[in-house]
Amino acid sequence: MVTDGAAYIGNFDWVGNAFTQNAGAGLVINQADAGNSTSIIKQLKAVFERDWYSNYAKSLQPTKIPNSNICPYTSFPFNE
């Protein structure tokens, strides 16, 4: 997750029991103005936006999830 002033990198699922019943690791980066160099936060934002708008990114709208034998989640419940 990247905001204007901070970035979080970790392996938590953003659901209630992930914070109370699971162990995980995370890193929060708060970075002041980087001067003439590009901040880590700006670099992470650029990577996210590159991937988000990539030609390889696909819609996850429930009616547009393709059937797949590779990922079991794509067949439930939308493509039954």
N, C-alpha and C. Protein backbone atom coordinates (compact mmCIF):
# COMPACT_ATOMS: atom_id res chain seq x y z
N MET A 1 0.85 -1.15 0.00
CA MET A 1 0.00 0.00 0.00
C MET A 1 0.91 1.22 0.00
N VAL A 2 0.56 2.20 -0.83
CA VAL A 2 1.35 3.42 -0.93
C VAL A 2 0.43 4.62 -0.79
N THR A 3 0.79 5.54 0.08
CA THR A 3 0.08 6.81 0.20
C THR A 3 1.04 7.92 -0.20
N ASP A 4 0.62 9.16 -0.06
CA ASP A 4 1.50 10.27 -0.43
C ASP A 4 2.74 10.34 0.45
N GLY A 5 2.64 9.91 1.72
CA GLY A 5 3.77 10.06 2.62
C GLY A 5 4.36 8.80 3.18
N ALA A 6 3.77 7.65 2.88
CA ALA A 6 4.27 6.40 3.46
C ALA A 6 3.97 5.23 2.54
N ALA A 7 4.67 4.13 2.79
CA ALA A 7 4.43 2.89 2.05
C ALA A 7 4.46 1.73 3.04
N TYR A 8 3.61 0.74 2.80
CA TYR A 8 3.59 -0.48 3.61
C TYR A 8 3.83 -1.65 2.68
N ILE A 9 4.78 -2.49 3.04
CA ILE A 9 5.06 -3.72 2.31
C ILE A 9 4.97 -4.85 3.32
N GLY A 10 4.13 -5.82 3.05
CA GLY A 10 3.99 -6.91 4.01
C GLY A 10 3.15 -8.04 3.46
N ASN A 11 2.93 -9.03 4.31
CA ASN A 11 2.20 -10.21 3.87
C ASN A 11 0.89 -10.41 4.63
N PHE A 12 0.34 -9.36 5.21
CA PHE A 12 -0.94 -9.47 5.90
C PHE A 12 -2.09 -9.45 4.91
N ASP A 13 -3.11 -10.26 5.19
CA ASP A 13 -4.38 -10.13 4.50
C ASP A 13 -5.15 -9.07 5.27
N TRP A 14 -5.85 -8.21 4.59
CA TRP A 14 -6.55 -7.11 5.25
C TRP A 14 -7.94 -7.55 5.71
N VAL A 15 -7.98 -8.58 6.55
CA VAL A 15 -9.20 -9.05 7.17
C VAL A 15 -8.95 -9.16 8.67
N GLY A 16 -10.02 -9.11 9.46
CA GLY A 16 -9.90 -9.06 10.91
C GLY A 16 -9.02 -10.13 11.54
N ASN A 17 -9.26 -11.40 11.22
CA ASN A 17 -8.50 -12.46 11.90
C ASN A 17 -7.04 -12.51 11.47
N ALA A 18 -6.68 -11.86 10.39
CA ALA A 18 -5.26 -11.82 9.99
C ALA A 18 -4.44 -11.07 11.02
N PHE A 19 -5.07 -10.12 11.70
CA PHE A 19 -4.36 -9.32 12.69
C PHE A 19 -4.39 -9.96 14.08
N THR A 20 -5.34 -10.87 14.31
CA THR A 20 -5.47 -11.45 15.65
C THR A 20 -5.02 -12.90 15.73
N GLN A 21 -5.02 -13.63 14.61
CA GLN A 21 -4.72 -15.06 14.66
C GLN A 21 -3.52 -15.48 13.81
N ASN A 22 -2.98 -14.60 13.01
CA ASN A 22 -1.87 -14.95 12.12
C ASN A 22 -0.62 -14.18 12.48
N ALA A 23 0.50 -14.76 12.14
CA ALA A 23 1.78 -14.05 12.28
C ALA A 23 2.20 -13.59 10.89
N GLY A 24 2.86 -12.48 10.83
CA GLY A 24 3.31 -11.98 9.55
C GLY A 24 4.39 -10.94 9.75
N ALA A 25 4.84 -10.40 8.66
CA ALA A 25 5.87 -9.37 8.73
C ALA A 25 5.47 -8.22 7.83
N GLY A 26 5.85 -7.03 8.24
CA GLY A 26 5.55 -5.85 7.44
C GLY A 26 6.59 -4.78 7.64
N LEU A 27 6.67 -3.90 6.68
CA LEU A 27 7.62 -2.80 6.72
C LEU A 27 6.88 -1.53 6.34
N VAL A 28 6.96 -0.51 7.21
CA VAL A 28 6.38 0.79 6.91
C VAL A 28 7.52 1.74 6.62
N ILE A 29 7.43 2.44 5.50
CA ILE A 29 8.46 3.38 5.10
C ILE A 29 7.87 4.78 5.12
N ASN A 30 8.40 5.64 5.97
CA ASN A 30 8.08 7.06 5.97
C ASN A 30 9.34 7.77 5.52
N GLN A 31 9.24 8.51 4.45
CA GLN A 31 10.44 9.13 3.92
C GLN A 31 10.20 10.61 3.69
N ALA A 32 11.08 11.43 4.24
CA ALA A 32 11.02 12.87 4.02
C ALA A 32 11.40 13.17 2.58
N ASP A 33 11.31 14.42 2.22
CA ASP A 33 11.68 14.85 0.87
C ASP A 33 13.05 14.31 0.50
N ALA A 34 13.14 13.68 -0.65
CA ALA A 34 14.39 13.04 -1.07
C ALA A 34 15.31 13.99 -1.82
N GLY A 35 14.96 15.27 -1.85
CA GLY A 35 15.80 16.22 -2.56
C GLY A 35 15.75 16.00 -4.05
N ASN A 36 16.91 15.87 -4.67
CA ASN A 36 16.98 15.68 -6.12
C ASN A 36 16.73 14.24 -6.55
N SER A 37 16.83 13.29 -5.63
CA SER A 37 16.64 11.89 -6.00
C SER A 37 15.18 11.48 -5.82
N THR A 38 14.79 10.41 -6.47
CA THR A 38 13.42 9.90 -6.37
C THR A 38 13.28 9.10 -5.09
N SER A 39 12.24 9.40 -4.30
CA SER A 39 12.04 8.69 -3.04
C SER A 39 11.60 7.25 -3.30
N ILE A 40 11.79 6.42 -2.29
CA ILE A 40 11.35 5.02 -2.38
C ILE A 40 9.84 4.98 -2.57
N ILE A 41 9.12 5.86 -1.90
CA ILE A 41 7.66 5.89 -2.01
C ILE A 41 7.24 6.20 -3.45
N LYS A 42 7.89 7.16 -4.09
CA LYS A 42 7.56 7.48 -5.48
C LYS A 42 7.91 6.31 -6.40
N GLN A 43 8.99 5.61 -6.11
CA GLN A 43 9.37 4.45 -6.92
C GLN A 43 8.34 3.34 -6.79
N LEU A 44 7.88 3.07 -5.55
CA LEU A 44 6.87 2.03 -5.33
C LEU A 44 5.56 2.41 -6.01
N LYS A 45 5.18 3.68 -5.92
CA LYS A 45 3.96 4.13 -6.59
C LYS A 45 4.07 3.94 -8.10
N ALA A 46 5.22 4.25 -8.66
CA ALA A 46 5.42 4.09 -10.10
C ALA A 46 5.33 2.62 -10.52
N VAL A 47 5.88 1.72 -9.71
CA VAL A 47 5.80 0.29 -10.01
C VAL A 47 4.35 -0.18 -9.95
N PHE A 48 3.61 0.25 -8.91
CA PHE A 48 2.21 -0.13 -8.79
C PHE A 48 1.42 0.35 -10.00
N GLU A 49 1.57 1.62 -10.35
CA GLU A 49 0.82 2.16 -11.48
C GLU A 49 1.22 1.50 -12.79
N ARG A 50 2.47 1.17 -12.96
CA ARG A 50 2.91 0.45 -14.17
C ARG A 50 2.18 -0.89 -14.27
N ASP A 51 2.14 -1.63 -13.15
CA ASP A 51 1.48 -2.94 -13.15
C ASP A 51 -0.03 -2.81 -13.29
N TRP A 52 -0.63 -1.83 -12.60
CA TRP A 52 -2.08 -1.65 -12.60
C TRP A 52 -2.60 -1.35 -14.01
N TYR A 53 -1.88 -0.53 -14.75
CA TYR A 53 -2.30 -0.13 -16.08
C TYR A 53 -1.65 -0.95 -17.19
N SER A 54 -0.97 -2.01 -16.84
CA SER A 54 -0.29 -2.87 -17.80
C SER A 54 -1.27 -3.56 -18.74
N ASN A 55 -0.80 -3.88 -19.92
CA ASN A 55 -1.60 -4.68 -20.85
C ASN A 55 -1.86 -6.08 -20.31
N TYR A 56 -1.09 -6.51 -19.33
CA TYR A 56 -1.25 -7.83 -18.74
C TYR A 56 -2.26 -7.85 -17.61
N ALA A 57 -2.67 -6.68 -17.11
CA ALA A 57 -3.66 -6.60 -16.03
C ALA A 57 -5.03 -6.96 -16.60
N LYS A 58 -5.81 -7.70 -15.84
CA LYS A 58 -7.13 -8.14 -16.28
C LYS A 58 -8.18 -7.69 -15.29
N SER A 59 -9.39 -7.49 -15.77
CA SER A 59 -10.52 -7.09 -14.95
C SER A 59 -10.90 -8.22 -13.99
N LEU A 60 -11.25 -7.86 -12.77
CA LEU A 60 -11.74 -8.85 -11.81
C LEU A 60 -13.21 -8.65 -11.52
N GLN A 61 -13.93 -8.04 -12.44
CA GLN A 61 -15.35 -7.88 -12.27
C GLN A 61 -15.98 -9.27 -12.25
N PRO A 62 -16.93 -9.51 -11.34
CA PRO A 62 -17.49 -10.86 -11.18
C PRO A 62 -18.00 -11.50 -12.46
N THR A 63 -18.53 -10.74 -13.36
CA THR A 63 -19.06 -11.33 -14.59
C THR A 63 -18.00 -11.51 -15.66
N LYS A 64 -16.78 -11.08 -15.38
CA LYS A 64 -15.74 -11.13 -16.40
C LYS A 64 -14.52 -11.94 -15.98
N ILE A 65 -14.66 -12.77 -14.93
CA ILE A 65 -13.54 -13.60 -14.49
C ILE A 65 -13.48 -14.83 -15.39
N PRO A 66 -12.36 -15.06 -16.06
CA PRO A 66 -12.27 -16.22 -16.95
C PRO A 66 -12.20 -17.53 -16.18
N ASN A 67 -12.72 -18.60 -16.76
CA ASN A 67 -12.58 -19.92 -16.15
C ASN A 67 -11.12 -20.34 -16.22
N SER A 68 -10.66 -20.99 -15.15
CA SER A 68 -9.27 -21.41 -15.13
C SER A 68 -9.13 -22.65 -14.26
N ASN A 69 -8.37 -23.61 -14.74
CA ASN A 69 -8.06 -24.79 -13.93
C ASN A 69 -6.86 -24.54 -13.04
N ILE A 70 -6.14 -23.45 -13.30
CA ILE A 70 -4.95 -23.15 -12.52
C ILE A 70 -5.31 -22.57 -11.16
N CYS A 71 -6.27 -21.65 -11.13
CA CYS A 71 -6.65 -20.98 -9.89
C CYS A 71 -8.06 -21.37 -9.51
N PRO A 72 -8.24 -22.11 -8.42
CA PRO A 72 -9.58 -22.58 -8.06
C PRO A 72 -10.55 -21.46 -7.73
N TYR A 73 -10.06 -20.28 -7.35
CA TYR A 73 -10.94 -19.19 -6.95
C TYR A 73 -11.67 -18.57 -8.12
N THR A 74 -11.20 -18.77 -9.34
CA THR A 74 -11.85 -18.15 -10.48
C THR A 74 -13.13 -18.87 -10.88
N SER A 75 -13.38 -20.04 -10.36
CA SER A 75 -14.61 -20.74 -10.73
C SER A 75 -15.69 -20.62 -9.67
N PHE A 76 -15.38 -20.03 -8.55
CA PHE A 76 -16.38 -19.90 -7.49
C PHE A 76 -16.47 -18.47 -7.04
N PRO A 77 -17.61 -17.91 -6.82
CA PRO A 77 -18.93 -18.40 -7.17
C PRO A 77 -19.42 -17.84 -8.50
N PHE A 78 -18.60 -17.10 -9.19
CA PHE A 78 -19.05 -16.30 -10.31
C PHE A 78 -19.29 -17.07 -11.59
N ASN A 79 -18.61 -18.18 -11.79
CA ASN A 79 -18.73 -18.88 -13.07
C ASN A 79 -19.45 -20.22 -12.95
N GLU A 80 -20.23 -20.37 -11.95
CA GLU A 80 -20.95 -21.64 -11.79
C GLU A 80 -22.16 -21.71 -12.67
